[in-house]
Protein backbone atom coordinates (compact mmCIF):
# COMPACT_ATOMS: atom_id res chain seq x y z
CA MET A 1 12.61 11.29 52.33
CA ILE A 2 11.06 10.01 48.97
CA LYS A 3 12.54 8.80 46.16
CA ILE A 4 11.55 9.13 42.41
CA ASN A 5 12.68 5.51 42.28
CA ASP A 6 10.93 4.48 45.05
CA ILE A 7 7.78 5.76 43.55
CA THR A 8 8.27 4.98 39.76
CA GLU A 9 8.94 1.71 40.48
CA LYS A 10 5.37 1.31 42.35
CA LEU A 11 3.41 3.39 40.58
CA SER A 12 1.47 1.59 37.23
CA LEU A 13 -0.27 3.05 34.49
CA PRO A 14 -3.16 1.42 32.87
CA LYS A 15 -3.30 -0.33 29.99
CA PHE A 16 -6.33 0.15 28.34
CA ASP A 17 -7.07 -2.00 24.95
CA ARG A 18 -7.86 -0.69 21.95
CA PRO A 19 -11.10 -2.10 20.02
CA LYS A 20 -10.28 -4.58 17.13
CA PHE A 21 -12.27 -4.24 13.90
CA ASP A 22 -11.94 -6.22 10.47
CA LEU A 23 -12.93 -4.60 7.16
CA PRO A 24 -13.78 -6.73 4.13
CA LYS A 25 -11.46 -7.58 1.88
CA PHE A 26 -12.03 -8.08 -1.96
CA ASP A 27 -10.01 -10.09 -3.73
CA LEU A 28 -10.61 -8.03 -7.48
CA PRO A 29 -8.86 -10.14 -9.77
CA ARG A 30 -10.98 -12.80 -8.72
CA ILE A 31 -14.20 -11.13 -9.30
CA ASP A 32 -14.87 -12.35 -12.75
CA LEU A 33 -16.76 -10.15 -15.42
CA THR A 34 -17.41 -12.68 -18.56
CA ASN A 35 -20.24 -13.42 -17.73
CA LEU A 36 -21.69 -10.22 -17.73
CA ASP A 37 -24.10 -9.58 -20.27
CA LEU A 38 -24.31 -5.63 -20.62
CA GLU A 39 -27.05 -5.87 -23.11
CA ARG A 40 -29.40 -6.79 -20.98
CA VAL A 41 -28.65 -4.03 -18.11
CA LYS A 42 -31.54 -1.54 -18.88
CA LEU A 43 -30.16 1.69 -18.94
CA PRO A 44 -32.44 4.81 -18.71
CA LYS A 45 -33.11 7.40 -22.53
CA PHE A 46 -32.28 10.71 -22.22
CA ASP A 47 -31.87 13.34 -25.30
CA LEU A 48 -29.31 15.14 -24.27
CA SER A 49 -29.99 18.20 -26.44
CA LYS A 50 -33.21 18.79 -23.91
CA LEU A 51 -30.58 18.86 -21.08
CA ASP A 52 -30.68 22.92 -19.68
CA ILE A 53 -26.32 22.50 -18.39
CA SER A 54 -26.60 25.48 -16.65
CA ARG A 55 -29.56 23.14 -14.50
CA ALA A 56 -26.87 20.61 -14.49
CA THR A 57 -24.46 22.57 -13.14
CA ASP A 58 -26.34 24.42 -10.49
CA PHE A 59 -27.33 21.00 -9.23
CA ALA A 60 -23.90 19.44 -9.31
CA ARG A 61 -22.07 22.75 -7.32
CA ASP A 62 -25.60 22.16 -4.79
CA ALA A 63 -24.72 18.46 -4.18
CA ALA A 64 -20.70 19.35 -3.65
CA TYR A 65 -21.88 21.62 -0.54
CA ILE A 66 -23.89 19.11 0.72
CA GLY A 67 -21.22 16.48 0.35
CA VAL A 68 -18.45 18.84 1.32
CA GLY A 69 -20.93 20.15 4.30
CA ALA A 70 -21.53 16.66 5.71
CA VAL A 71 -17.96 15.96 5.81
CA VAL A 72 -17.10 18.88 7.85
CA VAL A 73 -19.90 18.02 10.17
CA SER A 74 -18.31 14.84 10.70
CA VAL A 75 -14.86 16.02 11.16
CA GLN A 76 -16.37 18.02 13.97
CA THR A 77 -18.44 15.66 15.29
CA ALA A 78 -15.59 12.89 15.32
CA ASP A 79 -12.77 15.92 16.88
CA GLU A 80 -15.79 16.49 19.85
CA ARG A 81 -15.58 13.22 20.40
CA ARG A 82 -12.32 12.59 20.70
CA ARG A 83 -11.81 15.45 23.05
CA ALA A 84 -14.83 14.04 25.20
CA VAL A 85 -12.58 10.19 25.17
CA THR A 86 -9.14 11.74 26.00
CA GLU A 87 -10.32 14.36 28.68
CA GLN A 88 -12.37 11.04 30.47
CA ILE A 89 -8.93 9.09 30.24
CA THR A 90 -6.91 11.47 31.00
CA ASP A 91 -8.83 12.01 34.68
CA GLN A 92 -9.12 8.26 34.83
CA ILE A 93 -5.43 8.00 35.18
CA THR A 94 -4.73 10.99 36.89
CA GLY A 95 -7.08 10.01 39.27
CA GLN A 96 -5.44 6.37 39.70
CA ILE A 97 -2.34 8.29 39.70
CA THR A 98 -2.79 10.49 42.38
CA GLY A 99 -3.99 7.28 44.35
CA GLN A 100 -1.04 4.96 44.14
CA PHE A 101 1.58 8.28 44.22
CA ARG A 102 -0.76 8.87 48.15
CA LYS A 103 -0.25 5.30 48.99
CA VAL A 104 3.61 5.29 48.44
CA VAL A 105 4.39 8.24 49.86
CA GLY A 106 1.85 7.45 53.06
CA THR A 107 3.95 4.43 53.21
CA THR A 108 7.15 5.93 53.03
CA ASP A 109 6.75 8.19 55.63
């Protein structure tokens, strides 16, 4: 007769190391802007009275739709990759557990 404790003691699940990455750290209070001369920065000059507001709002709306669409596609792609990796890891773990289970069942007969 096979006891569950005998099986669980002999099974060992694989361990996965998550990738490690460091993001850059900015210490914003230490950034010194006292020597920044804004008068030397040359900004473009344009006449606001000649600006077509409807074209500007259409452009802003289109840019917003493009940005939202890019985010949606990125999230969908990331979700598909997550599912593929999850399936692959599940298959590996299932295969390893099945192999270990067969060894345990085979040795306890």
